[in-house]
C-alpha atoms as a PDB file:
ATOM      1  CA  UNK A   1     -53.176   7.138 -57.754  1.00  0.00           C
ATOM      2  CA  UNK A   2     -54.678  11.085 -56.799  1.00  0.00           C
ATOM      3  CA  UNK A   3     -54.233  12.406 -53.701  1.00  0.00           C
ATOM      4  CA  UNK A   4     -57.923  11.487 -52.465  1.00  0.00           C
ATOM      5  CA  UNK A   5     -57.742   7.563 -53.492  1.00  0.00           C
ATOM      6  CA  UNK A   6     -54.146   8.142 -51.393  1.00  0.00           C
ATOM      7  CA  UNK A   7     -55.782   9.479 -48.192  1.00  0.00           C
ATOM      8  CA  UNK A   8     -58.442   7.356 -48.852  1.00  0.00           C
ATOM      9  CA  UNK A   9     -56.528   3.609 -48.965  1.00  0.00           C
ATOM     10  CA  UNK A  10     -54.007   5.224 -46.224  1.00  0.00           C
ATOM     11  CA  UNK A  11     -57.507   5.716 -44.165  1.00  0.00           C
ATOM     12  CA  UNK A  12     -58.480   2.037 -45.005  1.00  0.00           C
ATOM     13  CA  UNK A  13     -55.141   0.601 -43.911  1.00  0.00           C
ATOM     14  CA  UNK A  14     -54.910   2.562 -40.433  1.00  0.00           C
ATOM     15  CA  UNK A  15     -58.724   1.046 -39.789  1.00  0.00           C
ATOM     16  CA  UNK A  16     -57.228  -2.462 -40.456  1.00  0.00           C
ATOM     17  CA  UNK A  17     -54.792  -1.690 -38.054  1.00  0.00           C
ATOM     18  CA  UNK A  18     -57.853  -0.892 -35.160  1.00  0.00           C
ATOM     19  CA  UNK A  19     -59.283  -4.294 -35.140  1.00  0.00           C
ATOM     20  CA  UNK A  20     -58.354  -6.152 -32.228  1.00  0.00           C
ATOM     21  CA  UNK A  21     -58.350  -9.619 -33.414  1.00  0.00           C
ATOM     22  CA  UNK A  22     -57.730 -11.046 -29.707  1.00  0.00           C
ATOM     23  CA  UNK A  23     -60.520  -9.217 -27.964  1.00  0.00           C
ATOM     24  CA  UNK A  24     -62.926 -10.969 -30.643  1.00  0.00           C
ATOM     25  CA  UNK A  25     -61.717 -14.092 -31.552  1.00  0.00           C
ATOM     26  CA  UNK A  26     -60.210 -17.479 -29.952  1.00  0.00           C
ATOM     27  CA  UNK A  27     -57.638 -19.035 -31.392  1.00  0.00           C
ATOM     28  CA  UNK A  28     -56.875 -22.842 -31.554  1.00  0.00           C
ATOM     29  CA  UNK A  29     -54.102 -25.050 -32.693  1.00  0.00           C
ATOM     30  CA  UNK A  30     -55.320 -28.736 -34.291  1.00  0.00           C
ATOM     31  CA  UNK A  31     -54.240 -31.266 -36.002  1.00  0.00           C
ATOM     32  CA  UNK A  32     -56.931 -32.338 -38.500  1.00  0.00           C
ATOM     33  CA  UNK A  33     -56.630 -36.074 -40.087  1.00  0.00           C
ATOM     34  CA  UNK A  34     -57.057 -36.542 -43.615  1.00  0.00           C
ATOM     35  CA  UNK A  35     -58.680 -39.565 -45.520  1.00  0.00           C
ATOM     36  CA  UNK A  36     -55.445 -41.880 -45.531  1.00  0.00           C
ATOM     37  CA  UNK A  37     -54.122 -40.352 -41.962  1.00  0.00           C
ATOM     38  CA  UNK A  38     -51.819 -37.580 -42.401  1.00  0.00           C
ATOM     39  CA  UNK A  39     -52.516 -35.172 -40.036  1.00  0.00           C
ATOM     40  CA  UNK A  40     -52.664 -31.203 -41.111  1.00  0.00           C
ATOM     41  CA  UNK A  41     -51.933 -28.622 -38.768  1.00  0.00           C
ATOM     42  CA  UNK A  42     -54.452 -26.002 -38.398  1.00  0.00           C
ATOM     43  CA  UNK A  43     -54.883 -22.663 -36.770  1.00  0.00           C
ATOM     44  CA  UNK A  44     -58.510 -21.972 -36.371  1.00  0.00           C
ATOM     45  CA  UNK A  45     -59.894 -18.215 -35.448  1.00  0.00           C
ATOM     46  CA  UNK A  46     -63.138 -18.521 -34.319  1.00  0.00           C
ATOM     47  CA  UNK A  47     -65.485 -15.969 -33.354  1.00  0.00           C
ATOM     48  CA  UNK A  48     -65.850 -15.424 -29.332  1.00  0.00           C
ATOM     49  CA  UNK A  49     -69.456 -14.679 -30.179  1.00  0.00           C
ATOM     50  CA  UNK A  50     -70.959 -18.475 -30.312  1.00  0.00           C
ATOM     51  CA  UNK A  51     -74.530 -16.888 -30.345  1.00  0.00           C
ATOM     52  CA  UNK A  52     -74.998 -18.007 -33.773  1.00  0.00           C
ATOM     53  CA  UNK A  53     -73.491 -19.778 -36.862  1.00  0.00           C
ATOM     54  CA  UNK A  54     -70.943 -18.135 -39.029  1.00  0.00           C
ATOM     55  CA  UNK A  55     -69.122 -18.687 -42.432  1.00  0.00           C
ATOM     56  CA  UNK A  56     -65.319 -20.142 -42.834  1.00  0.00           C
ATOM     57  CA  UNK A  57     -62.638 -19.217 -44.854  1.00  0.00           C
ATOM     58  CA  UNK A  58     -59.765 -21.823 -44.997  1.00  0.00           C
ATOM     59  CA  UNK A  59     -56.289 -20.893 -46.610  1.00  0.00           C
ATOM     60  CA  UNK A  60     -53.693 -23.972 -46.781  1.00  0.00           C
ATOM     61  CA  UNK A  61     -50.413 -23.011 -47.792  1.00  0.00           C
ATOM     62  CA  UNK A  62     -46.654 -24.567 -48.371  1.00  0.00           C
ATOM     63  CA  UNK A  63     -44.816 -20.971 -46.782  1.00  0.00           C
ATOM     64  CA  UNK A  64     -45.955 -21.432 -42.876  1.00  0.00           C
ATOM     65  CA  UNK A  65     -49.210 -20.254 -41.106  1.00  0.00           C
ATOM     66  CA  UNK A  66     -47.178 -17.808 -38.298  1.00  0.00           C
ATOM     67  CA  UNK A  67     -47.566 -16.960 -36.082  1.00  0.00           C
ATOM     68  CA  UNK A  68     -47.348 -20.200 -34.219  1.00  0.00           C
ATOM     69  CA  UNK A  69     -48.427 -20.529 -30.637  1.00  0.00           C
ATOM     70  CA  UNK A  70     -51.647 -20.535 -28.957  1.00  0.00           C
ATOM     71  CA  UNK A  71     -51.039 -17.356 -27.216  1.00  0.00           C
ATOM     72  CA  UNK A  72     -50.029 -15.381 -30.838  1.00  0.00           C
ATOM     73  CA  UNK A  73     -52.403 -13.687 -32.913  1.00  0.00           C
ATOM     74  CA  UNK A  74     -52.498 -12.492 -36.526  1.00  0.00           C
ATOM     75  CA  UNK A  75     -52.927  -8.772 -36.394  1.00  0.00           C
ATOM     76  CA  UNK A  76     -55.464  -9.766 -39.611  1.00  0.00           C
ATOM     77  CA  UNK A  77     -57.252 -12.529 -40.171  1.00  0.00           C
ATOM     78  CA  UNK A  78     -58.771 -13.356 -43.621  1.00  0.00           C
ATOM     79  CA  UNK A  79     -58.198 -11.565 -46.777  1.00  0.00           C
ATOM     80  CA  UNK A  80     -58.154  -8.224 -44.114  1.00  0.00           C
ATOM     81  CA  UNK A  81     -60.429  -7.676 -41.109  1.00  0.00           C
ATOM     82  CA  UNK A  82     -63.599  -6.483 -42.457  1.00  0.00           C
ATOM     83  CA  UNK A  83     -63.585 -10.386 -42.634  1.00  0.00           C
ATOM     84  CA  UNK A  84     -63.031 -10.469 -38.933  1.00  0.00           C
ATOM     85  CA  UNK A  85     -65.761  -8.293 -38.374  1.00  0.00           C
ATOM     86  CA  UNK A  86     -68.614  -9.932 -39.993  1.00  0.00           C
ATOM     87  CA  UNK A  87     -67.621 -12.676 -37.986  1.00  0.00           C
ATOM     88  CA  UNK A  88     -65.826 -15.695 -40.288  1.00  0.00           C
ATOM     89  CA  UNK A  89     -64.132 -18.261 -38.997  1.00  0.00           C
ATOM     90  CA  UNK A  90     -60.765 -17.942 -40.362  1.00  0.00           C
ATOM     91  CA  UNK A  91     -58.710 -21.189 -40.655  1.00  0.00           C
ATOM     92  CA  UNK A  92     -54.997 -21.527 -41.850  1.00  0.00           C
ATOM     93  CA  UNK A  93     -53.452 -24.833 -42.541  1.00  0.00           C
ATOM     94  CA  UNK A  94     -49.611 -25.816 -43.306  1.00  0.00           C
ATOM     95  CA  UNK A  95     -49.838 -27.920 -46.764  1.00  0.00           C
ATOM     96  CA  UNK A  96     -48.733 -31.680 -46.295  1.00  0.00           C
ATOM     97  CA  UNK A  97     -45.388 -31.987 -45.321  1.00  0.00           C
ATOM     98  CA  UNK A  98     -44.531 -28.520 -44.447  1.00  0.00           C
ATOM     99  CA  UNK A  99     -43.574 -26.970 -41.411  1.00  0.00           C
ATOM    100  CA  UNK A 100     -45.819 -28.621 -38.604  1.00  0.00           C
ATOM    101  CA  UNK A 101     -47.568 -30.761 -40.910  1.00  0.00           C
ATOM    102  CA  UNK A 102     -47.609 -34.439 -41.687  1.00  0.00           C
ATOM    103  CA  UNK A 103     -46.662 -36.082 -44.975  1.00  0.00           C
ATOM    104  CA  UNK A 104     -44.432 -35.455 -48.094  1.00  0.00           C
ATOM    105  CA  UNK A 105     -44.252 -32.147 -49.576  1.00  0.00           C
ATOM    106  CA  UNK A 106     -44.906 -32.986 -53.891  1.00  0.00           C
ATOM    107  CA  UNK A 107     -44.336 -29.882 -55.774  1.00  0.00           C
ATOM    108  CA  UNK A 108     -47.039 -30.183 -58.406  1.00  0.00           C
ATOM    109  CA  UNK A 109     -48.332 -33.572 -57.721  1.00  0.00           C
ATOM    110  CA  UNK A 110     -50.368 -35.393 -61.159  1.00  0.00           C
ATOM    111  CA  UNK A 111     -53.695 -36.175 -60.011  1.00  0.00           C
ATOM    112  CA  UNK A 112     -54.583 -39.918 -60.540  1.00  0.00           C
ATOM    113  CA  UNK A 113     -58.075 -41.258 -59.827  1.00  0.00           C
ATOM    114  CA  UNK A 114     -58.656 -42.743 -56.349  1.00  0.00           C
ATOM    115  CA  UNK A 115     -54.897 -41.155 -55.039  1.00  0.00           C
ATOM    116  CA  UNK A 116     -54.996 -39.319 -51.757  1.00  0.00           C
ATOM    117  CA  UNK A 117     -52.802 -35.650 -51.546  1.00  0.00           C
ATOM    118  CA  UNK A 118     -52.935 -32.446 -50.819  1.00  0.00           C
ATOM    119  CA  UNK A 119     -55.390 -31.628 -53.963  1.00  0.00           C
ATOM    120  CA  UNK A 120     -58.344 -33.782 -52.235  1.00  0.00           C
ATOM    121  CA  UNK A 121     -57.758 -32.882 -48.920  1.00  0.00           C
ATOM    122  CA  UNK A 122     -60.235 -30.753 -48.997  1.00  0.00           C
ATOM    123  CA  UNK A 123     -62.544 -31.997 -51.508  1.00  0.00           C
ATOM    124  CA  UNK A 124     -66.245 -33.832 -50.178  1.00  0.00           C
ATOM    125  CA  UNK A 125     -65.613 -36.347 -53.263  1.00  0.00           C
ATOM    126  CA  UNK A 126     -64.565 -39.745 -52.132  1.00  0.00           C
ATOM    127  CA  UNK A 127     -62.657 -39.579 -55.189  1.00  0.00           C
ATOM    128  CA  UNK A 128     -61.686 -37.801 -58.603  1.00  0.00           C
END
């Protein structure tokens, strides 16, 4: 890595830290029901400016979506705060059976036609 590239990267990281998520976003913590009734714990960051429609990014993970608690905000939302600056709605979700979500966590569950599980939780189709 050249010195100029390193300086630019450090400048980029510094710019990331200067974005105040709390000033521009509201945070809500909700339980979202899936087709089979299992509820998944979800943290949603929405732009305070509600004058337009925004695209949505969702991340579902078995590794926790901290910080938990309505007053605790992430310093960076989305892959980086450029998404926040553009006004994306960003949702983080605990997968089935992990942290605050209901259900049973099964690592690498096989998919069977008509079965509802974490693979189909965000599917727009009613059955695979």
